Protein backbone atom coordinates (compact mmCIF):
# COMPACT_ATOMS: atom_id res chain seq x y z
CA MET A 1 -61.56 -2.88 -21.21
CA ASN A 2 -61.35 -5.32 -24.11
CA ARG A 3 -59.26 -8.46 -24.22
CA ARG A 4 -56.68 -6.99 -26.62
CA HIS A 5 -56.06 -4.02 -24.32
CA VAL A 6 -55.59 -6.30 -21.32
CA LEU A 7 -53.02 -8.33 -23.23
CA LYS A 8 -51.12 -5.16 -24.15
CA LEU A 9 -50.99 -4.11 -20.50
CA LEU A 10 -49.73 -7.53 -19.45
CA VAL A 11 -47.02 -7.51 -22.11
CA ALA A 12 -45.95 -3.98 -21.17
CA SER A 13 -45.79 -4.95 -17.51
CA ALA A 14 -43.69 -8.01 -18.29
CA LEU A 15 -41.27 -5.97 -20.36
CA ALA A 16 -41.02 -3.24 -17.76
CA GLY A 17 -40.34 -5.71 -14.94
CA PRO A 18 -36.70 -6.51 -15.81
CA ALA A 19 -35.99 -2.86 -16.59
CA CYS A 20 -37.39 -1.74 -13.24
CA ALA A 21 -35.45 -4.46 -11.43
CA ALA A 22 -32.26 -3.40 -13.22
CA ALA A 23 -32.85 0.22 -12.34
CA GLN A 24 -33.46 -0.66 -8.69
CA SER A 25 -30.30 -2.77 -8.50
CA ALA A 26 -28.01 -0.33 -10.31
CA TYR A 27 -24.67 -0.25 -8.50
CA PRO A 28 -24.26 1.24 -6.00
CA ASP A 29 -27.66 1.42 -4.33
CA ARG A 30 -26.49 1.23 -0.71
CA LEU A 31 -23.53 1.88 1.57
CA ILE A 32 -20.12 0.49 0.54
CA LYS A 33 -17.85 -0.88 3.26
CA TRP A 34 -14.13 -0.03 2.87
CA VAL A 35 -12.03 -2.28 5.09
CA VAL A 36 -8.75 -0.83 6.34
CA PRO A 37 -6.55 -3.55 7.91
CA TYR A 38 -4.88 -1.06 10.28
CA PRO A 39 -6.03 1.04 13.25
CA ALA A 40 -7.67 4.41 12.70
CA GLY A 41 -5.35 7.40 12.41
CA GLY A 42 -2.46 5.78 10.54
CA GLY A 43 -1.25 6.45 7.02
CA THR A 44 -3.35 3.76 5.32
CA ASP A 45 -6.46 4.87 7.21
CA ASN A 46 -5.92 8.54 6.30
CA LEU A 47 -5.50 7.68 2.62
CA ALA A 48 -8.69 5.63 2.55
CA ARG A 49 -10.70 8.35 4.28
CA ALA A 50 -9.44 11.06 1.90
CA LEU A 51 -10.34 8.94 -1.13
CA ALA A 52 -13.71 7.86 0.28
CA GLU A 53 -14.63 11.49 0.90
CA SER A 54 -13.78 12.40 -2.69
CA MET A 55 -15.56 9.37 -4.21
CA ARG A 56 -18.85 9.67 -2.29
CA PRO A 57 -20.52 12.42 -4.37
CA LYS A 58 -19.97 10.71 -7.72
CA LEU A 59 -20.86 7.24 -6.48
CA GLY A 60 -23.92 8.65 -4.75
CA GLN A 61 -23.41 6.42 -1.70
CA GLN A 62 -21.52 6.50 1.57
CA LEU A 63 -18.21 4.65 1.83
CA MET A 64 -17.86 3.52 5.43
CA ILE A 65 -14.32 2.91 6.69
CA ASP A 66 -14.18 -0.31 8.72
CA ASN A 67 -10.87 -0.68 10.60
CA ARG A 68 -9.88 -4.35 11.05
CA PRO A 69 -6.25 -4.35 12.25
CA GLY A 70 -4.14 -7.34 13.20
CA ALA A 71 -2.05 -10.29 12.05
CA SER A 72 -0.05 -8.30 9.51
CA THR A 73 -3.30 -7.29 7.71
CA ASN A 74 -4.49 -10.92 7.48
CA ILE A 75 -7.59 -10.34 9.66
CA GLY A 76 -8.99 -7.69 7.34
CA ALA A 77 -7.92 -9.60 4.25
CA ASP A 78 -9.64 -12.81 5.37
CA LEU A 79 -12.86 -10.88 6.02
CA VAL A 80 -12.85 -9.39 2.52
CA ALA A 81 -11.86 -12.63 0.79
CA ARG A 82 -14.95 -14.30 2.33
CA SER A 83 -17.32 -11.43 1.51
CA LYS A 84 -19.93 -11.46 -1.22
CA PRO A 85 -18.32 -10.21 -4.46
CA ASP A 86 -20.99 -7.63 -5.20
CA GLY A 87 -18.85 -4.51 -4.87
CA TYR A 88 -20.18 -3.54 -1.46
CA THR A 89 -17.03 -4.67 0.37
CA ILE A 90 -13.61 -3.40 -0.73
CA MET A 91 -10.35 -2.90 1.11
CA SER A 92 -7.06 -1.09 1.24
CA ALA A 93 -4.11 -3.38 0.61
CA ASP A 94 -0.39 -2.75 0.95
CA ASN A 95 2.89 -4.65 0.68
CA ALA A 96 1.91 -7.12 3.39
CA LEU A 97 -1.13 -8.53 1.61
CA LEU A 98 -0.09 -7.76 -1.95
CA PHE A 99 3.30 -9.46 -1.96
CA PHE A 100 4.88 -10.22 1.45
CA ASN A 101 2.57 -12.45 3.49
CA GLU A 102 2.30 -15.28 1.00
CA HIS A 103 6.06 -15.79 1.51
CA LEU A 104 6.31 -14.87 5.21
CA PHE A 105 3.55 -17.18 6.46
CA LYS A 106 3.56 -20.93 6.00
CA LYS A 107 -0.25 -20.95 5.84
CA LEU A 108 -2.72 -18.31 4.76
CA ALA A 109 -6.50 -18.66 4.69
CA PHE A 110 -6.55 -17.04 1.25
CA SER A 111 -4.48 -16.61 -1.90
CA PRO A 112 -3.47 -13.00 -2.72
CA GLU A 113 -3.51 -13.89 -6.40
CA ASN A 114 -6.72 -15.91 -6.65
CA ASP A 115 -9.06 -14.82 -3.83
CA PHE A 116 -9.26 -11.10 -4.60
CA THR A 117 -10.35 -8.79 -7.38
CA TYR A 118 -7.71 -6.16 -8.14
CA VAL A 119 -9.55 -2.83 -8.47
CA GLY A 120 -6.73 -0.32 -8.80
CA ALA A 121 -3.55 1.11 -7.35
CA ILE A 122 -3.68 4.11 -5.03
CA GLY A 123 -0.01 5.04 -4.89
CA ARG A 124 3.14 4.57 -2.88
CA PHE A 125 5.17 5.86 0.04
CA PRO A 126 8.83 6.03 -1.06
CA LEU A 127 11.33 4.52 1.39
CA LEU A 128 14.56 6.34 2.19
CA LEU A 129 17.83 5.19 3.70
CA VAL A 130 18.31 7.49 6.68
CA VAL A 131 20.86 7.82 9.47
CA HIS A 132 21.17 9.79 12.67
CA PRO A 133 23.09 13.07 12.05
CA ASP A 134 25.95 11.82 14.25
CA PHE A 135 26.48 8.74 12.08
CA PRO A 136 29.91 8.97 10.37
CA ALA A 137 28.59 9.12 6.81
CA ARG A 138 27.27 12.06 4.84
CA SER A 139 26.74 10.19 1.56
CA LEU A 140 25.81 6.72 0.39
CA ALA A 141 29.41 6.07 -0.66
CA GLU A 142 30.66 6.94 2.82
CA PHE A 143 27.92 4.81 4.37
CA LEU A 144 28.89 1.77 2.30
CA ALA A 145 32.56 2.24 3.11
CA TYR A 146 31.81 2.44 6.82
CA VAL A 147 29.54 -0.61 7.08
CA ARG A 148 31.90 -2.69 4.93
CA ALA A 149 34.71 -1.77 7.29
CA ASN A 150 32.52 -2.75 10.27
CA PRO A 151 30.62 -5.90 9.21
CA GLY A 152 27.83 -6.85 11.61
CA LYS A 153 28.57 -3.94 13.93
CA VAL A 154 26.03 -1.44 12.57
CA ASP A 155 22.44 -1.89 13.73
CA PHE A 156 19.40 -0.93 11.69
CA ALA A 157 15.86 -0.43 12.95
CA SER A 158 12.53 -1.54 11.49
CA VAL A 159 8.93 -1.11 12.56
CA SER A 160 8.50 -4.90 12.78
CA ASN A 161 9.92 -8.15 11.52
CA GLY A 162 8.85 -8.65 7.89
CA SER A 163 7.81 -5.01 7.41
CA PRO A 164 8.65 -3.01 4.26
CA HIS A 165 11.32 -1.17 6.27
CA HIS A 166 12.93 -4.47 7.28
CA LEU A 167 12.75 -6.13 3.89
CA ALA A 168 14.04 -3.01 2.11
CA MET A 169 17.24 -3.27 4.11
CA GLU A 170 17.51 -7.00 3.43
CA LEU A 171 17.33 -6.27 -0.30
CA PHE A 172 19.86 -3.45 0.07
CA LYS A 173 22.25 -5.74 1.98
CA SER A 174 21.94 -8.41 -0.68
CA ARG A 175 22.62 -6.02 -3.57
CA THR A 176 25.52 -4.20 -1.86
CA GLY A 177 27.18 -7.12 -0.08
CA THR A 178 26.91 -5.45 3.31
CA ASP A 179 26.20 -6.87 6.77
CA LEU A 180 24.00 -4.89 9.17
CA THR A 181 22.19 -6.22 12.25
CA HIS A 182 18.40 -6.02 12.41
CA VAL A 183 16.64 -4.57 15.46
CA ALA A 184 12.86 -4.96 15.16
CA PHE A 185 10.48 -2.72 17.09
CA ALA A 186 6.77 -3.05 17.81
CA GLY A 187 5.59 -0.25 15.55
CA ALA A 188 6.78 2.88 13.81
CA ALA A 189 6.82 5.18 16.85
CA PRO A 190 9.39 3.25 18.93
CA ALA A 191 11.56 2.56 15.87
CA ILE A 192 11.67 6.24 14.95
CA GLN A 193 12.32 7.29 18.54
CA SER A 194 15.26 4.89 18.65
CA LEU A 195 16.62 6.45 15.47
CA LEU A 196 16.14 10.00 16.77
CA GLY A 197 17.86 9.05 20.02
CA ASN A 198 20.78 7.48 18.12
CA HIS A 199 20.21 4.15 19.85
CA VAL A 200 19.75 2.35 16.51
CA PRO A 201 21.24 4.85 14.04
CA VAL A 202 20.15 3.49 10.63
CA MET A 203 16.88 2.48 8.97
CA PHE A 204 14.82 2.55 5.83
CA LEU A 205 12.03 5.00 6.65
CA ASP A 206 8.92 5.82 4.65
CA LEU A 207 8.76 9.41 3.49
CA ALA A 208 5.41 10.06 5.19
CA SER A 209 6.87 9.23 8.60
CA GLY A 210 10.26 10.82 7.99
CA ILE A 211 9.62 13.99 6.00
CA SER A 212 9.43 16.34 9.01
CA TYR A 213 12.55 14.85 10.59
CA ILE A 214 14.46 15.09 7.31
CA LYS A 215 13.50 18.71 6.76
CA SER A 216 14.34 19.65 10.35
CA GLY A 217 17.72 17.92 10.19
CA ARG A 218 16.92 15.44 12.96
CA VAL A 219 17.77 12.61 10.55
CA ARG A 220 19.97 12.60 7.45
CA ALA A 221 18.58 11.06 4.28
CA LEU A 222 21.30 9.39 2.20
CA ALA A 223 19.13 8.05 -0.62
CA ILE A 224 15.56 7.52 -1.77
CA GLY A 225 14.55 4.08 -2.98
CA THR A 226 12.42 5.05 -5.99
CA ALA A 227 13.55 5.42 -9.59
CA GLN A 228 13.11 9.21 -9.51
CA ARG A 229 13.69 11.80 -6.83
CA SER A 230 10.69 12.98 -4.84
CA ALA A 231 9.37 16.52 -5.19
CA ALA A 232 8.86 16.47 -1.43
CA VAL A 233 12.63 16.07 -0.80
CA PRO A 234 14.23 17.00 -4.13
CA ASP A 235 17.77 17.22 -2.73
CA VAL A 236 17.83 13.54 -1.76
CA PRO A 237 19.42 11.50 -4.58
CA THR A 238 18.19 8.07 -5.60
CA LEU A 239 20.05 4.87 -4.86
CA ALA A 240 20.54 4.33 -8.60
CA GLU A 241 22.11 7.78 -9.02
CA GLN A 242 24.72 6.72 -6.48
CA GLY A 243 25.58 3.40 -8.07
CA VAL A 244 23.19 1.02 -6.30
CA SER A 245 20.91 -0.33 -9.02
CA ASP A 246 18.05 -2.82 -8.83
CA VAL A 247 16.99 -1.66 -5.36
CA GLU A 248 13.61 0.03 -5.76
CA VAL A 249 11.78 0.08 -2.43
CA PHE A 250 8.41 1.60 -1.57
CA ALA A 251 5.22 0.91 0.35
CA LEU A 252 2.48 0.33 -2.23
CA GLN A 253 -1.22 0.98 -1.58
CA GLY A 254 -4.14 -0.29 -3.63
CA VAL A 255 -7.78 -1.36 -3.53
CA LEU A 256 -8.98 -4.98 -3.63
CA GLY A 257 -12.35 -6.68 -3.44
CA PRO A 258 -13.41 -10.32 -3.15
CA ALA A 259 -12.72 -12.53 -6.15
CA GLY A 260 -15.51 -12.56 -8.74
CA MET A 261 -16.66 -8.94 -8.65
CA PRO A 262 -18.63 -8.04 -11.80
CA ALA A 263 -16.47 -6.41 -14.46
CA GLU A 264 -18.77 -3.40 -14.77
CA VAL A 265 -18.58 -2.77 -11.01
CA VAL A 266 -14.79 -3.03 -11.04
CA ALA A 267 -14.64 -0.60 -13.95
CA LEU A 268 -16.89 1.89 -12.15
CA VAL A 269 -14.97 1.81 -8.86
CA ASN A 270 -11.65 2.00 -10.70
CA ARG A 271 -12.87 5.01 -12.67
CA GLN A 272 -14.00 6.84 -9.53
CA LEU A 273 -10.82 5.88 -7.67
CA ASN A 274 -8.68 7.34 -10.45
CA ALA A 275 -10.85 10.46 -10.49
CA ALA A 276 -10.28 10.86 -6.75
CA LEU A 277 -6.53 10.50 -7.31
CA ALA A 278 -6.76 13.56 -9.58
CA ASP A 279 -8.83 15.60 -7.09
CA PRO A 280 -6.77 18.71 -6.13
CA ASN A 281 -7.87 18.43 -2.49
CA VAL A 282 -6.75 14.81 -2.33
CA LEU A 283 -3.47 15.58 -4.10
CA GLN A 284 -2.72 18.35 -1.62
CA ARG A 285 -3.30 16.02 1.32
CA PHE A 286 -1.09 13.38 -0.30
CA SER A 287 1.74 15.80 -1.07
CA ASP A 288 1.78 16.98 2.55
CA PHE A 289 3.26 13.65 3.56
CA GLY A 290 5.14 12.66 0.41
CA PHE A 291 2.67 10.13 -0.97
CA GLU A 292 2.87 9.54 -4.72
CA PRO A 293 -0.46 8.69 -6.46
CA LEU A 294 -0.33 5.90 -9.05
CA PRO A 295 -3.64 5.75 -10.95
CA SER A 296 -3.85 2.54 -12.96
CA THR A 297 -6.06 -0.07 -14.54
CA PRO A 298 -6.93 -3.20 -12.54
CA GLU A 299 -4.73 -5.22 -14.91
CA LYS A 300 -1.68 -3.02 -14.44
CA PHE A 301 -2.16 -2.98 -10.68
CA LYS A 302 -2.28 -6.78 -10.49
CA ALA A 303 0.73 -7.13 -12.79
CA LEU A 304 2.75 -4.77 -10.57
CA ALA A 305 1.74 -6.64 -7.41
CA ARG A 306 2.60 -10.04 -8.90
CA ALA A 307 6.00 -8.81 -10.16
CA GLU A 308 6.80 -7.38 -6.72
CA SER A 309 5.73 -10.66 -5.11
CA LEU A 310 8.31 -12.56 -7.14
CA LYS A 311 11.03 -10.08 -6.18
CA TRP A 312 10.24 -10.05 -2.47
CA GLY A 313 9.70 -13.78 -2.27
CA ALA A 314 13.32 -14.26 -3.29
CA VAL A 315 14.49 -11.71 -0.69
CA ILE A 316 12.46 -13.37 2.08
CA ARG A 317 13.74 -16.83 1.24
CA GLN A 318 17.35 -15.66 1.09
CA ALA A 319 17.03 -13.92 4.47
CA ASN A 320 15.12 -16.92 5.88
CA ILE A 321 12.35 -14.79 7.40
CA VAL A 322 9.26 -16.64 8.69
CA LEU A 323 6.44 -15.12 10.75
CA ASP A 324 4.59 -18.29 11.83
């Protein structure tokens, strides 16, 4: 082998090195961890598992659901915020992390705005104003008339202090000039059982939890808190249709990662997330419990979350709600 040939081989090897390294490190080349800040079996967990199942074939890697419940989603959020921003740790995020907790807690270990990469929205659970069938109101107008005639005497339930269900009613009270008394429960199950038993006869309930009770007549839905009616309960009018404007209430779901994720990785995960949100199998599972998909760009998702944070921060301050 002559000297010129050796030099050619060395040059070719040097040029191939970066290309081979790039090929070996093409994202994703190993398992992706998807943190869900709630226990297994709940709505957020089911959404993440349905999406992960749809995204796996196109990403070519497993997406492992890692349930990290506790502290109003702050445990899971802190874990993700401190993770390496390489795209191998992402998480489901909802109202708590996206726009409530920064106003409910005096101190957080992270900033929702600055310590996360916004990957994309998943969708939303509409919230509905519901009453027990024995409650003396069959419409929103009758409900408002009754509670205004009985200030402070009507109780409403929520799944916890500072939950979307609680804060939705605080916003409703502020916009309608009504006075209802909050009764917080330790979770959705006891709150719903109290409603079904007519112990606490009023609440804002997410459609996923309430759809079967609404359709069976065990609760009466007076209004839905989104701008349009839901195909899952098309006979339930919106709040705006009935004269209560500027009260749009829903439980948002989206995907975040640690701050500093590479733009090309964010774009890839966003693209596959949106593709999963168009998967007929996923859409069928979502429609079964009234979940509305909201495919978006990372920029639109972050803009929505930041706008909602401003709105809910004002509600929380006015109601003087603090969780620590």
